[in-house]
Amino acid sequence: MPLLEVEGITLRFGGVTALSGVSFTVEPGELFAIIGPNGAGKTSIFNCLNGVYRPAEGRIALAGQSLMGVGATQTAKLGIARTFQNLGLFSHLTVLENILLGRHHLMTTGFLAGAIWWGRARREELAQRRHCEDIIELLELEPYRFSPVSLLPYGVRKRVEVARAVAMDPRLLLLDEPAAGMNLEESEDMARYIREINEELQVAMILVEHDMHMVMDLAHRVMAMDFGKVLAIGLPDEVRTNPAVIEAYLGAGAA
């Protein structure tokens, strides 16, 4: 059974159709990429998957469980984590504290017990901190763990955003332009971290990214979109040489 099944979803905003009959699957452990020009519907798909939007038609299921009508909070509990194009970090908190927020939905002690920080609450938080330290090591954030996020370079903050999503222990990780705004060296580092997360943690991913070199290097399969419709789905080389994709996304003559 695929981990994620999306069948014929259509999303409308008044008279505008953002998604039209979009269907695809994501297998367990797969790194699936979505490409397309601005306005193709990539972010709209993410918003449908994590419960921000509800499609007018179609079906979405995670491990056989329907996600239709399920809100963002519940989809997180079911195992979908997401990063955003624009950073959503708490700038006054440290790197470790931001990553710990990704574990919040897994903690069972109440607010009062947490404030006292004694007994079971203390043991639980220490266990969650150890888990976060493993993620910090994986993403090479050790020098920054106690630094306020506001003082960090942009590329490091993007890495913290990914780390917080990974801390949620997701079954499916949605990466929305993780290399946006980065220089070449930072993009190459981010690609390496994404590959390590996928291979070492066996986390299935959907990657939306305009960096075609990154997409074609990382993705197991690629889906190309334009104007809310699917143009092609297949292996990276198959999609890269598809005439409709070349015309819509890469530009005429790019082949």
Protein backbone atom coordinates (compact mmCIF):
# COMPACT_ATOMS: atom_id res chain seq x y z
CA MET A 1 0.00 0.00 0.00
CA PRO A 2 1.33 3.49 -0.80
CA LEU A 3 1.93 5.70 2.20
CA LEU A 4 0.04 8.58 0.57
CA GLU A 5 -2.75 8.33 -1.99
CA VAL A 6 -4.09 11.43 -3.72
CA GLU A 7 -6.92 10.77 -6.17
CA GLY A 8 -8.51 13.39 -8.39
CA ILE A 9 -8.38 16.33 -5.99
CA THR A 10 -9.86 19.59 -7.24
CA LEU A 11 -9.54 22.85 -5.34
CA ARG A 12 -11.44 26.00 -6.21
CA PHE A 13 -11.40 29.56 -4.93
CA GLY A 14 -14.56 31.14 -6.29
CA GLY A 15 -14.24 30.98 -10.05
CA VAL A 16 -10.54 30.08 -9.95
CA THR A 17 -9.53 26.41 -10.10
CA ALA A 18 -6.21 26.02 -8.26
CA LEU A 19 -6.04 22.23 -8.66
CA SER A 20 -7.83 20.16 -11.28
CA GLY A 21 -8.04 16.38 -10.93
CA VAL A 22 -4.59 15.91 -9.39
CA SER A 23 -3.63 12.30 -8.63
CA PHE A 24 -0.38 10.76 -7.38
CA THR A 25 1.00 8.39 -4.76
CA VAL A 26 4.02 8.44 -2.45
CA GLU A 27 5.58 5.16 -1.35
CA PRO A 28 7.06 4.57 2.14
CA GLY A 29 10.56 6.04 2.26
CA GLU A 30 10.21 7.69 -1.16
CA LEU A 31 11.50 11.17 -1.97
CA PHE A 32 8.84 12.53 -4.32
CA ALA A 33 9.32 15.96 -5.90
CA ILE A 34 6.78 18.39 -7.37
CA ILE A 35 7.95 20.98 -9.89
CA GLY A 36 6.22 23.67 -11.89
CA PRO A 37 6.14 27.42 -12.52
CA ASN A 38 4.81 29.87 -9.93
CA GLY A 39 1.07 29.41 -9.65
CA ALA A 40 1.17 25.80 -10.84
CA GLY A 41 -0.52 24.57 -7.64
CA LYS A 42 2.42 23.14 -5.71
CA THR A 43 1.77 24.96 -2.43
CA SER A 44 -1.97 24.36 -2.82
CA ILE A 45 -1.24 20.62 -2.78
CA PHE A 46 0.70 21.02 0.48
CA ASN A 47 -2.16 23.02 1.99
CA CYS A 48 -4.57 20.21 1.09
CA LEU A 49 -2.28 17.53 2.49
CA ASN A 50 -1.80 19.17 5.89
CA GLY A 51 -5.40 20.24 6.38
CA VAL A 52 -5.28 23.96 5.63
CA TYR A 53 -7.52 23.58 2.56
CA ARG A 54 -10.23 21.01 1.88
CA PRO A 55 -10.55 19.97 -1.78
CA ALA A 56 -13.98 20.24 -3.38
CA GLU A 57 -13.51 16.84 -4.99
CA GLY A 58 -11.26 13.82 -4.73
CA ARG A 59 -9.66 11.72 -2.04
CA ILE A 60 -6.54 11.97 0.15
CA ALA A 61 -5.44 9.10 2.39
CA LEU A 62 -2.39 8.53 4.58
CA ALA A 63 -1.67 4.82 5.16
CA GLY A 64 -5.27 4.12 4.21
CA GLN A 65 -6.77 6.72 6.56
CA SER A 66 -8.75 9.51 4.94
CA LEU A 67 -7.45 13.05 5.44
CA MET A 68 -10.49 14.74 3.94
CA GLY A 69 -11.87 17.23 6.42
CA VAL A 70 -9.03 16.62 8.88
CA GLY A 71 -7.53 19.86 10.27
CA ALA A 72 -3.89 20.86 10.46
CA THR A 73 -3.50 19.87 14.12
CA GLN A 74 -4.83 16.38 13.54
CA THR A 75 -2.76 15.81 10.39
CA ALA A 76 0.35 16.61 12.45
CA LYS A 77 -0.69 13.97 14.98
CA LEU A 78 -1.25 11.49 12.16
CA GLY A 79 2.32 11.98 10.98
CA ILE A 80 2.55 14.83 8.46
CA ALA A 81 5.13 17.56 9.14
CA ARG A 82 5.85 20.61 7.01
CA THR A 83 8.35 23.37 6.44
CA PHE A 84 7.40 26.69 4.87
CA GLN A 85 8.79 28.99 2.19
CA ASN A 86 8.87 31.80 4.72
CA LEU A 87 10.51 30.83 7.99
CA GLY A 88 8.09 30.24 10.86
CA LEU A 89 10.63 30.05 13.67
CA PHE A 90 10.43 31.78 17.05
CA SER A 91 13.30 34.22 16.74
CA HIS A 92 13.68 34.89 20.50
CA LEU A 93 14.07 31.16 21.30
CA THR A 94 17.25 29.14 20.90
CA VAL A 95 17.82 26.50 18.25
CA LEU A 96 17.23 23.71 20.77
CA GLU A 97 14.02 25.33 22.04
CA ASN A 98 12.67 25.74 18.50
CA ILE A 99 13.40 22.09 17.71
CA LEU A 100 11.81 21.00 21.01
CA LEU A 101 8.56 22.62 19.85
CA GLY A 102 8.38 19.90 17.24
CA ARG A 103 8.06 17.35 20.07
CA HIS A 104 5.24 19.19 21.83
CA HIS A 105 2.43 17.00 20.46
CA LEU A 106 4.25 13.92 21.78
CA MET A 107 4.50 15.12 25.37
CA THR A 108 1.91 13.89 27.86
CA THR A 109 2.55 15.93 31.03
CA GLY A 110 0.43 19.01 31.65
CA PHE A 111 1.35 22.68 31.84
CA LEU A 112 1.58 22.81 35.65
CA ALA A 113 3.79 19.72 35.89
CA GLY A 114 5.99 21.12 33.14
CA ALA A 115 6.32 24.44 34.93
CA ILE A 116 7.40 22.74 38.16
CA TRP A 117 9.76 20.52 36.09
CA TRP A 118 9.85 17.64 38.52
CA GLY A 119 9.30 13.89 38.44
CA ARG A 120 7.70 12.52 35.29
CA ALA A 121 7.60 15.93 33.59
CA ARG A 122 11.34 16.36 34.05
CA ARG A 123 12.13 12.86 32.81
CA GLU A 124 9.91 13.31 29.78
CA GLU A 125 11.48 16.63 28.77
CA LEU A 126 15.00 15.26 29.19
CA ALA A 127 14.10 12.32 26.94
CA GLN A 128 12.72 14.72 24.33
CA ARG A 129 15.87 16.85 24.57
CA ARG A 130 18.01 13.78 23.90
CA HIS A 131 15.96 13.07 20.79
CA CYS A 132 16.45 16.66 19.63
CA GLU A 133 20.18 16.39 20.22
CA ASP A 134 20.28 13.49 17.76
CA ILE A 135 18.61 15.71 15.15
CA ILE A 136 20.99 18.57 15.93
CA GLU A 137 23.90 16.20 15.30
CA LEU A 138 22.37 14.89 12.07
CA LEU A 139 21.94 18.43 10.70
CA GLU A 140 25.26 19.65 12.12
CA LEU A 141 23.69 22.35 14.29
CA GLU A 142 25.84 21.71 17.38
CA PRO A 143 27.61 25.12 17.36
CA TYR A 144 24.24 26.90 17.39
CA ARG A 145 22.14 24.84 19.83
CA PHE A 146 21.97 27.58 22.51
CA SER A 147 21.99 30.57 20.14
CA PRO A 148 18.82 32.63 19.61
CA VAL A 149 17.52 32.00 16.11
CA SER A 150 17.46 35.73 15.38
CA LEU A 151 21.27 35.84 15.50
CA LEU A 152 21.82 33.03 12.98
CA PRO A 153 22.59 33.26 9.26
CA TYR A 154 19.67 32.65 6.93
CA GLY A 155 20.97 29.27 5.73
CA VAL A 156 21.28 27.98 9.29
CA ARG A 157 17.76 29.14 10.12
CA LYS A 158 16.43 27.20 7.13
CA ARG A 159 18.20 24.14 8.56
CA VAL A 160 16.55 24.73 11.95
CA GLU A 161 13.15 24.85 10.24
CA VAL A 162 13.82 21.42 8.74
CA ALA A 163 15.11 20.11 12.09
CA ARG A 164 11.93 21.19 13.87
CA ALA A 165 9.80 19.35 11.30
CA VAL A 166 11.95 16.22 11.61
CA ALA A 167 11.55 16.40 15.41
CA MET A 168 7.85 15.67 14.93
CA ASP A 169 8.75 12.08 13.93
CA PRO A 170 6.73 12.37 10.73
CA ARG A 171 5.77 9.56 8.41
CA LEU A 172 5.58 12.14 5.62
CA LEU A 173 7.68 15.32 5.51
CA LEU A 174 6.57 18.19 3.26
CA LEU A 175 9.50 20.41 2.25
CA ASP A 176 8.36 23.69 0.71
CA GLU A 177 11.33 25.24 -1.13
CA PRO A 178 13.96 24.38 1.51
CA ALA A 179 16.78 25.90 -0.58
CA ALA A 180 14.99 29.16 -1.48
CA GLY A 181 17.22 32.20 -1.00
CA MET A 182 20.38 30.16 -0.42
CA ASN A 183 23.71 30.49 -2.16
CA LEU A 184 25.26 27.54 -4.01
CA GLU A 185 27.20 26.19 -1.03
CA GLU A 186 24.19 26.40 1.28
CA SER A 187 21.98 24.69 -1.33
CA GLU A 188 24.44 21.83 -1.69
CA ASP A 189 24.56 21.42 2.08
CA MET A 190 20.76 21.40 2.29
CA ALA A 191 20.57 18.75 -0.43
CA ARG A 192 22.98 16.59 1.56
CA TYR A 193 20.93 16.97 4.75
CA ILE A 194 17.70 16.10 2.93
CA ARG A 195 19.27 12.96 1.51
CA GLU A 196 20.59 11.94 4.95
CA ILE A 197 17.18 12.44 6.58
CA ASN A 198 15.52 10.39 3.86
CA GLU A 199 18.05 7.55 3.92
CA GLU A 200 18.96 7.37 7.61
CA LEU A 201 15.52 8.00 9.09
CA GLN A 202 13.56 6.43 6.21
CA VAL A 203 11.16 9.37 6.17
CA ALA A 204 9.03 9.73 3.05
CA MET A 205 9.21 13.25 1.62
CA ILE A 206 7.48 15.50 -0.85
CA LEU A 207 9.87 18.18 -2.06
CA VAL A 208 8.73 21.38 -3.75
CA GLU A 209 11.75 23.23 -5.09
CA HIS A 210 12.73 25.52 -7.99
CA ASP A 211 16.36 24.37 -7.89
CA MET A 212 16.16 21.84 -10.73
CA HIS A 213 19.63 20.48 -10.09
CA MET A 214 18.64 19.62 -6.52
CA VAL A 215 15.34 18.06 -7.58
CA MET A 216 16.83 15.89 -10.31
CA ASP A 217 19.68 14.80 -8.05
CA LEU A 218 17.56 13.90 -5.01
CA ALA A 219 14.14 12.75 -6.17
CA HIS A 220 13.16 9.15 -6.75
CA ARG A 221 10.18 10.33 -8.81
CA VAL A 222 9.06 13.74 -10.04
CA MET A 223 5.64 15.22 -10.80
CA ALA A 224 5.50 18.27 -13.07
CA MET A 225 2.52 20.61 -12.92
CA ASP A 226 1.20 23.67 -14.71
CA PHE A 227 -1.98 25.67 -14.06
CA GLY A 228 -3.17 23.19 -11.44
CA LYS A 229 -2.89 20.14 -13.70
CA VAL A 230 -0.41 17.27 -13.80
CA LEU A 231 1.81 17.31 -16.89
CA ALA A 232 3.93 14.25 -16.15
CA ILE A 233 4.94 11.82 -13.40
CA GLY A 234 7.96 9.58 -13.61
CA LEU A 235 11.66 9.17 -13.03
CA PRO A 236 13.67 12.41 -13.05
CA ASP A 237 15.14 11.82 -16.51
CA GLU A 238 11.73 10.94 -17.93
CA VAL A 239 10.17 14.14 -16.64
CA ARG A 240 13.16 16.30 -17.56
CA THR A 241 12.91 15.24 -21.22
CA ASN A 242 9.11 15.38 -21.44
CA PRO A 243 8.22 17.96 -24.16
CA ALA A 244 5.28 19.39 -22.21
CA VAL A 245 7.47 19.90 -19.15
CA ILE A 246 10.25 21.53 -21.17
CA GLU A 247 7.78 24.00 -22.68
CA ALA A 248 5.90 24.79 -19.46
CA TYR A 249 8.68 24.84 -16.89
CA LEU A 250 12.20 24.60 -18.27
CA GLY A 251 11.52 26.73 -21.33
CA ALA A 252 11.58 25.94 -25.02
CA GLY A 253 14.97 24.68 -26.16
CA ALA A 254 16.05 23.60 -22.65
CA ALA A 255 16.33 20.00 -23.77
